[in-house]
Amino acid sequence: MPDQPMIRLQDVSKVFPGTTAPAVDRLSLDVGEGEFVTLVGPSGCGKTTTLKMINRIIEPTSGRIEVAGRDALSVEPHELRRSIGYVIQQIGLFPHRTIAQNVATVPDLLGWDERRIEERVRELVRTVGLDEDMLDRYPSELSGGQQQRVGVARALAADPPVLLMDEPFGAVDPIVRGRLQDEFLDLHSRLGKTVVFVTHDIDEALHLGTRVAILNIGGLLEQYDTPEAILATPANEFVEDFLGGERGLKRLALRPVSGADMTRGPVVDVRDSIETARATMAEHGVDWVGLLDGELLLGWVDASELDSVPLAGLAPKPFAVSLSPSSSLRQAVDAVVTSHARVAVVVEEGRYLGMVGLESIAEEITE
């Protein structure tokens, strides 16, 4: 992490009028440039309050907040917010403005010329995975997932170094939510923005964050570390309970298949003989064999199909699931337990890399 973090909170507290208990109590937190930090915790833990104090939608009662090395409280709120993108669950698009007009909101306020704004808007809709033919539509004509993408594009319009996100994917269905999470991770890797992301979902926090801050009621910081470290060594009983069960499976979700010990497995080339195929099955103790054409995996055939027909004349069945090296070990476990072959097949751009079994997965997580 750089010596000067992009965001620094020092003993930040917030006590709302009419209350005595702090919503956030002496919170100190550093967020490095380019990090993706997730804030997670139960209702009332102050995660949204913390997020809103960073861009001064809510003013802190005490403490110091720095953004890009500047004292955030010494900067005019409107000036500070122009350097910070903000995305919320309700999206907040202007219903009577087109998608293009919504995305152009901040550049227009900054006085950009029309050509520059138009180029930036078109660039951003492509960046977030939308078609340019949507620019003249209105928010009501888009799906929830598409609207959320527009919200992200609008937050990025003036190229802010910091992006704050308050449960942005909470209002969409689980399938779309998972897709948006993966798309945003890819977007973050390409753009390198510093992101602070609020969620109530511990699985989402662990999946997205380079570091995770787990807060307790009253904005008390219980643990702040990498997802892997938190799952491996919870700081206390509260964190352990909040993580819930299946910590081992959650750790598997963070590790790529490429880190496991892959074997070549029971495969032969279609140019090999039937005897070679049978010998390969016997060597591995299975009743099937995978067929390769050079480095291309064609599929698998059952032992009963091996008669007088050459291997090249068979019609191999595709493996139910083919993983990439970046797939998680949790996906590999699912592939193993649901496949006839009882292995996870790993392929990259059509090129066969190998197979992963439960034993190598277990060794990876128990290291």
Protein backbone atom coordinates (compact mmCIF):
# COMPACT_ATOMS: atom_id res chain seq x y z
CA MET A 1 0.00 0.00 0.00
CA PRO A 2 1.26 3.50 -0.78
CA ASP A 3 2.48 5.69 2.11
CA GLN A 4 -0.44 8.08 1.58
CA PRO A 5 -3.76 6.24 1.30
CA MET A 6 -6.42 7.51 -1.09
CA ILE A 7 -8.94 7.61 1.78
CA ARG A 8 -8.08 7.93 5.47
CA LEU A 9 -10.52 7.99 8.39
CA GLN A 10 -9.01 8.91 11.75
CA ASP A 11 -11.13 8.49 14.90
CA VAL A 12 -14.28 9.43 12.97
CA SER A 13 -17.49 9.49 14.99
CA LYS A 14 -21.08 10.39 14.23
CA VAL A 15 -23.76 11.08 16.83
CA PHE A 16 -27.09 12.08 15.33
CA PRO A 17 -29.17 14.80 17.05
CA GLY A 18 -31.51 13.43 19.70
CA THR A 19 -29.39 10.35 20.33
CA THR A 20 -26.63 9.57 22.78
CA ALA A 21 -25.19 6.38 21.28
CA PRO A 22 -22.89 7.00 18.31
CA ALA A 23 -23.86 5.64 14.91
CA VAL A 24 -20.12 5.42 14.21
CA ASP A 25 -17.65 5.38 17.08
CA ARG A 26 -14.00 6.49 16.59
CA LEU A 27 -13.57 4.63 13.32
CA SER A 28 -10.08 4.59 11.81
CA LEU A 29 -9.62 3.12 8.36
CA ASP A 30 -7.12 3.50 5.51
CA VAL A 31 -8.03 2.68 1.91
CA GLY A 32 -5.10 2.46 -0.48
CA GLU A 33 -5.17 3.78 -4.03
CA GLY A 34 -6.78 1.25 -6.35
CA GLU A 35 -8.14 -0.90 -3.52
CA PHE A 36 -11.65 -2.33 -3.48
CA VAL A 37 -12.78 -2.14 0.15
CA THR A 38 -16.13 -3.56 1.22
CA LEU A 39 -17.93 -2.41 4.38
CA VAL A 40 -20.21 -5.08 5.82
CA GLY A 41 -22.07 -5.68 9.05
CA PRO A 42 -25.53 -5.96 10.61
CA SER A 43 -28.17 -3.25 10.38
CA GLY A 44 -27.20 -0.32 12.57
CA CYS A 45 -23.45 -0.84 12.21
CA GLY A 46 -22.96 2.54 10.51
CA LYS A 47 -21.66 1.33 7.16
CA THR A 48 -23.85 3.64 5.05
CA THR A 49 -23.26 6.51 7.48
CA THR A 50 -19.52 5.96 7.08
CA LEU A 51 -19.82 6.01 3.30
CA LYS A 52 -21.84 9.23 3.35
CA MET A 53 -19.34 10.93 5.66
CA ILE A 54 -16.58 10.35 3.11
CA ASN A 55 -18.32 12.61 0.58
CA ARG A 56 -19.97 14.76 3.27
CA ILE A 57 -23.57 13.92 2.56
CA ILE A 58 -23.43 13.42 6.32
CA GLU A 59 -21.05 15.56 8.35
CA PRO A 60 -18.98 13.75 11.00
CA THR A 61 -19.34 14.79 14.62
CA SER A 62 -15.62 14.42 15.23
CA GLY A 63 -12.49 12.99 13.68
CA ARG A 64 -10.64 13.60 10.44
CA ILE A 65 -11.34 12.38 6.91
CA GLU A 66 -8.79 12.72 4.10
CA VAL A 67 -9.41 12.06 0.41
CA ALA A 68 -6.39 12.03 -1.92
CA GLY A 69 -4.31 13.64 0.82
CA ARG A 70 -6.71 16.55 1.39
CA ASP A 71 -8.72 17.24 4.51
CA ALA A 72 -12.22 16.55 3.23
CA LEU A 73 -13.72 18.94 5.78
CA SER A 74 -11.66 21.83 4.42
CA VAL A 75 -13.05 21.42 0.89
CA GLU A 76 -16.42 22.75 -0.25
CA PRO A 77 -18.83 19.77 -0.32
CA HIS A 78 -19.82 20.30 -3.97
CA GLU A 79 -16.14 20.42 -5.00
CA LEU A 80 -15.35 17.28 -3.00
CA ARG A 81 -18.28 15.36 -4.54
CA ARG A 82 -17.19 16.16 -8.08
CA SER A 83 -14.03 14.14 -7.41
CA ILE A 84 -16.00 11.20 -6.01
CA GLY A 85 -18.39 8.97 -7.96
CA TYR A 86 -21.44 7.81 -6.01
CA VAL A 87 -23.73 4.87 -6.79
CA ILE A 88 -26.74 3.88 -4.68
CA GLN A 89 -29.15 0.95 -4.62
CA GLN A 90 -32.07 3.06 -5.85
CA ILE A 91 -29.81 4.18 -8.73
CA GLY A 92 -31.37 7.67 -8.69
CA LEU A 93 -31.54 8.23 -12.45
CA PHE A 94 -33.53 11.25 -13.57
CA PRO A 95 -36.69 9.69 -15.06
CA HIS A 96 -37.40 12.48 -17.56
CA ARG A 97 -33.87 12.62 -18.94
CA THR A 98 -32.46 10.21 -21.50
CA ILE A 99 -29.69 7.77 -20.68
CA ALA A 100 -27.20 10.02 -22.47
CA GLN A 101 -28.38 13.04 -20.47
CA ASN A 102 -28.17 11.09 -17.20
CA VAL A 103 -24.60 9.95 -17.86
CA ALA A 104 -23.62 13.50 -18.88
CA THR A 105 -24.88 15.08 -15.65
CA VAL A 106 -21.53 15.82 -13.95
CA PRO A 107 -19.54 16.70 -17.10
CA ASP A 108 -22.33 19.14 -17.98
CA LEU A 109 -22.08 20.73 -14.52
CA LEU A 110 -18.32 21.00 -14.98
CA GLY A 111 -18.80 22.93 -18.21
CA TRP A 112 -17.39 20.39 -20.66
CA ASP A 113 -18.06 21.18 -24.32
CA GLU A 114 -20.72 19.16 -26.13
CA ARG A 115 -18.34 17.11 -28.27
CA ARG A 116 -16.24 16.06 -25.29
CA ILE A 117 -19.37 15.11 -23.36
CA GLU A 118 -20.76 13.07 -26.26
CA GLU A 119 -17.49 11.18 -26.69
CA ARG A 120 -17.27 10.47 -22.97
CA VAL A 121 -20.87 9.26 -22.78
CA ARG A 122 -20.40 6.87 -25.70
CA GLU A 123 -17.14 5.59 -24.23
CA LEU A 124 -18.76 4.91 -20.87
CA VAL A 125 -21.83 3.06 -22.10
CA ARG A 126 -19.49 0.70 -23.94
CA THR A 127 -17.31 0.40 -20.84
CA VAL A 128 -20.24 -0.74 -18.66
CA GLY A 129 -21.53 -3.16 -21.30
CA LEU A 130 -24.49 -1.26 -22.79
CA ASP A 131 -25.35 -0.68 -26.44
CA GLU A 132 -25.12 2.83 -27.79
CA ASP A 133 -28.63 2.54 -29.21
CA MET A 134 -29.87 2.85 -25.60
CA LEU A 135 -28.61 6.43 -25.27
CA ASP A 136 -31.87 7.98 -26.45
CA ARG A 137 -34.05 5.81 -24.21
CA TYR A 138 -35.40 6.74 -20.80
CA PRO A 139 -34.69 4.86 -17.55
CA SER A 140 -38.18 3.29 -17.46
CA GLU A 141 -37.39 1.56 -20.77
CA LEU A 142 -34.40 -0.31 -19.27
CA SER A 143 -34.22 -3.35 -17.00
CA GLY A 144 -33.00 -3.04 -13.44
CA GLY A 145 -29.58 -4.38 -14.35
CA GLN A 146 -29.28 -1.98 -17.28
CA GLN A 147 -30.29 0.94 -15.08
CA GLN A 148 -27.64 -0.04 -12.56
CA ARG A 149 -25.02 -0.01 -15.31
CA VAL A 150 -26.15 3.48 -16.27
CA GLY A 151 -25.76 4.51 -12.63
CA VAL A 152 -22.17 3.27 -12.64
CA ALA A 153 -21.48 5.04 -15.95
CA ARG A 154 -22.83 8.30 -14.55
CA ALA A 155 -20.64 7.97 -11.45
CA LEU A 156 -17.58 7.46 -13.66
CA ALA A 157 -18.39 10.25 -16.11
CA ALA A 158 -15.91 12.84 -14.82
CA ASP A 159 -13.24 10.14 -14.25
CA PRO A 160 -13.16 10.47 -10.43
CA PRO A 161 -10.36 8.65 -8.60
CA VAL A 162 -12.78 7.43 -5.91
CA LEU A 163 -16.05 5.53 -6.30
CA LEU A 164 -18.47 5.06 -3.40
CA MET A 165 -21.16 2.40 -3.80
CA ASP A 166 -24.04 1.88 -1.38
CA GLU A 167 -25.58 -1.59 -1.89
CA PRO A 168 -25.76 -0.94 -5.64
CA PHE A 169 -26.79 -4.46 -6.62
CA GLY A 170 -29.25 -5.11 -3.80
CA ALA A 171 -32.41 -4.38 -5.83
CA VAL A 172 -31.76 -6.80 -8.71
CA ASP A 173 -32.45 -10.52 -8.84
CA PRO A 174 -29.71 -12.97 -7.79
CA ILE A 175 -28.73 -14.03 -11.33
CA VAL A 176 -28.35 -10.45 -12.55
CA ARG A 177 -26.64 -9.53 -9.29
CA GLY A 178 -23.97 -12.18 -9.74
CA ARG A 179 -23.37 -11.05 -13.32
CA LEU A 180 -23.08 -7.40 -12.26
CA GLN A 181 -20.61 -8.32 -9.51
CA ASP A 182 -18.33 -10.11 -11.95
CA GLU A 183 -18.64 -7.35 -14.55
CA PHE A 184 -17.77 -4.72 -11.98
CA LEU A 185 -14.75 -6.68 -10.78
CA ASP A 186 -13.54 -6.75 -14.38
CA LEU A 187 -14.26 -3.02 -14.70
CA HIS A 188 -12.31 -2.31 -11.51
CA SER A 189 -9.32 -4.30 -12.76
CA ARG A 190 -9.30 -2.27 -15.98
CA LEU A 191 -9.89 1.20 -14.52
CA GLY A 192 -8.05 0.89 -11.20
CA LYS A 193 -10.44 3.15 -9.28
CA THR A 194 -10.41 3.24 -5.49
CA VAL A 195 -13.74 1.74 -4.43
CA VAL A 196 -15.55 1.70 -1.08
CA PHE A 197 -18.56 -0.61 -1.35
CA VAL A 198 -21.30 -1.05 1.26
CA THR A 199 -23.18 -4.34 1.44
CA HIS A 200 -25.14 -6.34 4.01
CA ASP A 201 -24.20 -9.60 2.25
CA ILE A 202 -21.04 -11.20 3.61
CA ASP A 203 -20.62 -13.40 0.52
CA GLU A 204 -20.75 -10.32 -1.72
CA ALA A 205 -18.26 -8.53 0.53
CA LEU A 206 -15.82 -11.44 0.39
CA HIS A 207 -16.24 -11.92 -3.35
CA LEU A 208 -15.64 -8.29 -4.31
CA GLY A 209 -13.29 -6.84 -1.73
CA THR A 210 -9.51 -6.78 -1.83
CA ARG A 211 -10.02 -5.97 1.85
CA VAL A 212 -13.14 -6.28 4.00
CA ALA A 213 -14.11 -4.13 6.98
CA ILE A 214 -16.52 -5.93 9.30
CA LEU A 215 -18.43 -3.46 11.49
CA ASN A 216 -20.48 -4.05 14.62
CA ILE A 217 -23.41 -2.05 15.96
CA GLY A 218 -22.34 1.54 16.55
CA GLY A 219 -19.72 1.54 13.85
CA LEU A 220 -17.18 -0.49 15.81
CA LEU A 221 -14.53 -2.03 13.56
CA GLU A 222 -14.17 -5.71 14.47
CA GLN A 223 -11.78 -6.79 11.71
CA TYR A 224 -10.20 -5.24 8.62
CA ASP A 225 -8.21 -7.59 6.44
CA THR A 226 -8.15 -9.55 3.20
CA PRO A 227 -11.05 -11.97 2.62
CA GLU A 228 -8.65 -14.92 2.81
CA ALA A 229 -7.20 -13.78 6.16
CA ILE A 230 -10.64 -13.11 7.66
CA LEU A 231 -11.93 -16.54 6.67
CA ALA A 232 -8.77 -18.29 7.83
CA THR A 233 -8.48 -16.42 11.15
CA PRO A 234 -11.59 -14.56 12.35
CA ALA A 235 -10.59 -11.88 14.88
CA ASN A 236 -13.23 -12.79 17.46
CA GLU A 237 -16.51 -14.59 18.11
CA PHE A 238 -18.58 -11.80 16.52
CA VAL A 239 -16.70 -12.08 13.23
CA GLU A 240 -16.86 -15.88 13.32
CA ASP A 241 -20.64 -15.78 13.87
CA PHE A 242 -21.13 -13.12 11.19
CA LEU A 243 -19.21 -15.19 8.64
CA GLY A 244 -21.63 -18.04 9.25
CA GLY A 245 -21.06 -21.63 8.24
CA GLU A 246 -19.16 -23.11 5.32
CA ARG A 247 -16.04 -21.02 5.90
CA GLY A 248 -14.04 -23.63 4.05
CA LEU A 249 -16.29 -23.36 0.99
CA LYS A 250 -16.12 -19.57 1.18
CA ARG A 251 -12.33 -19.81 1.09
CA LEU A 252 -12.57 -22.07 -1.93
CA ALA A 253 -14.60 -19.38 -3.69
CA LEU A 254 -11.63 -17.01 -3.35
CA ARG A 255 -9.01 -19.33 -4.83
CA PRO A 256 -8.57 -19.96 -8.56
CA VAL A 257 -8.36 -23.40 -10.10
CA SER A 258 -4.94 -22.47 -11.47
CA GLY A 259 -3.57 -22.72 -7.92
CA ALA A 260 -4.52 -26.38 -7.55
CA ASP A 261 -2.52 -29.41 -8.63
CA MET A 262 -3.87 -30.34 -12.08
CA THR A 263 -3.27 -33.76 -13.60
CA ARG A 264 -3.46 -34.79 -17.23
CA GLY A 265 -6.16 -37.32 -16.33
CA PRO A 266 -7.55 -40.18 -18.42
CA VAL A 267 -7.33 -38.64 -21.89
CA VAL A 268 -6.04 -39.91 -25.23
CA ASP A 269 -5.75 -38.47 -28.70
CA VAL A 270 -8.36 -39.49 -31.29
CA ARG A 271 -5.47 -40.84 -33.39
CA ASP A 272 -4.49 -43.29 -30.64
CA SER A 273 -5.60 -46.91 -30.71
CA ILE A 274 -8.52 -48.43 -28.84
CA GLU A 275 -5.98 -50.48 -26.87
CA THR A 276 -4.30 -47.27 -25.71
CA ALA A 277 -7.67 -45.92 -24.60
CA ARG A 278 -8.47 -49.06 -22.62
CA ALA A 279 -5.02 -49.05 -21.02
CA THR A 280 -5.49 -45.39 -20.01
CA MET A 281 -8.85 -46.18 -18.38
CA ALA A 282 -7.34 -49.12 -16.51
CA GLU A 283 -4.45 -46.97 -15.32
CA HIS A 284 -6.84 -44.39 -13.85
CA GLY A 285 -9.46 -46.88 -12.66
CA VAL A 286 -12.36 -45.30 -14.63
CA ASP A 287 -14.92 -46.50 -17.16
CA TRP A 288 -14.56 -43.53 -19.52
CA VAL A 289 -11.86 -41.67 -21.41
CA GLY A 290 -11.49 -38.11 -22.66
CA LEU A 291 -10.71 -37.55 -26.32
CA LEU A 292 -8.29 -34.90 -27.55
CA ASP A 293 -7.60 -33.62 -31.01
CA GLY A 294 -4.15 -32.22 -30.41
CA GLU A 295 -4.72 -29.71 -27.56
CA LEU A 296 -8.48 -29.46 -28.23
CA LEU A 297 -10.72 -31.38 -25.81
CA LEU A 298 -13.54 -32.99 -27.80
CA GLY A 299 -15.38 -34.63 -24.89
CA TRP A 300 -15.52 -38.11 -23.37
CA VAL A 301 -16.71 -41.59 -24.33
CA ASP A 302 -17.87 -44.52 -22.21
CA ALA A 303 -15.94 -47.78 -22.12
CA SER A 304 -18.91 -49.54 -23.69
CA GLU A 305 -18.42 -47.47 -26.86
CA LEU A 306 -14.93 -48.80 -27.46
CA ASP A 307 -15.32 -51.64 -29.95
CA SER A 308 -14.00 -51.97 -33.46
CA VAL A 309 -14.70 -48.37 -34.47
CA PRO A 310 -11.60 -46.13 -34.42
CA LEU A 311 -11.60 -43.41 -31.78
CA ALA A 312 -11.89 -40.76 -34.50
CA GLY A 313 -15.21 -42.31 -35.56
CA LEU A 314 -16.85 -41.95 -32.13
CA ALA A 315 -19.17 -39.11 -31.07
CA PRO A 316 -17.80 -37.88 -27.73
CA LYS A 317 -20.14 -36.34 -25.20
CA PRO A 318 -19.19 -32.88 -23.91
CA PHE A 319 -18.16 -32.55 -20.28
CA ALA A 320 -21.06 -31.04 -18.33
CA VAL A 321 -18.83 -28.22 -17.03
CA SER A 322 -15.56 -26.86 -18.37
CA LEU A 323 -13.70 -24.47 -16.11
CA SER A 324 -11.12 -21.81 -16.92
CA PRO A 325 -7.93 -21.27 -14.88
CA SER A 326 -9.60 -18.26 -13.22
CA SER A 327 -12.65 -20.27 -12.12
CA SER A 328 -12.86 -20.75 -8.37
CA LEU A 329 -12.11 -23.95 -6.53
CA ARG A 330 -15.69 -23.80 -5.23
CA GLN A 331 -16.87 -24.03 -8.84
CA ALA A 332 -14.48 -26.93 -9.26
CA VAL A 333 -16.07 -28.77 -6.31
CA ASP A 334 -19.50 -28.29 -7.87
CA ALA A 335 -18.20 -29.61 -11.20
CA VAL A 336 -16.69 -32.67 -9.52
CA VAL A 337 -19.79 -33.68 -7.56
CA THR A 338 -22.22 -33.15 -10.44
CA SER A 339 -20.26 -34.81 -13.26
CA HIS A 340 -20.17 -38.42 -14.33
CA ALA A 341 -16.39 -38.19 -14.52
CA ARG A 342 -16.01 -36.95 -10.91
CA VAL A 343 -13.37 -34.47 -12.05
CA ALA A 344 -13.31 -30.79 -13.03
CA VAL A 345 -11.99 -30.21 -16.54
CA VAL A 346 -9.88 -27.07 -17.07
CA VAL A 347 -9.75 -25.45 -20.51
CA GLU A 348 -8.33 -22.12 -21.69
CA GLU A 349 -9.41 -20.75 -25.08
CA GLY A 350 -10.21 -24.27 -26.22
CA ARG A 351 -6.82 -25.64 -25.11
CA TYR A 352 -6.98 -28.54 -22.65
CA LEU A 353 -4.97 -27.86 -19.48
CA GLY A 354 -5.85 -30.79 -17.23
CA MET A 355 -8.23 -32.06 -14.57
CA VAL A 356 -8.75 -31.32 -10.89
CA GLY A 357 -10.14 -33.78 -8.35
CA LEU A 358 -11.43 -33.48 -4.80
CA GLU A 359 -8.11 -34.58 -3.31
CA SER A 360 -6.11 -31.75 -4.87
CA ILE A 361 -8.85 -29.26 -3.91
CA ALA A 362 -8.73 -30.45 -0.30
CA GLU A 363 -4.94 -30.13 -0.24
CA GLU A 364 -5.21 -26.56 -1.49
CA ILE A 365 -7.57 -25.44 1.28
CA THR A 366 -5.74 -27.26 4.12
CA GLU A 367 -2.31 -25.77 3.34
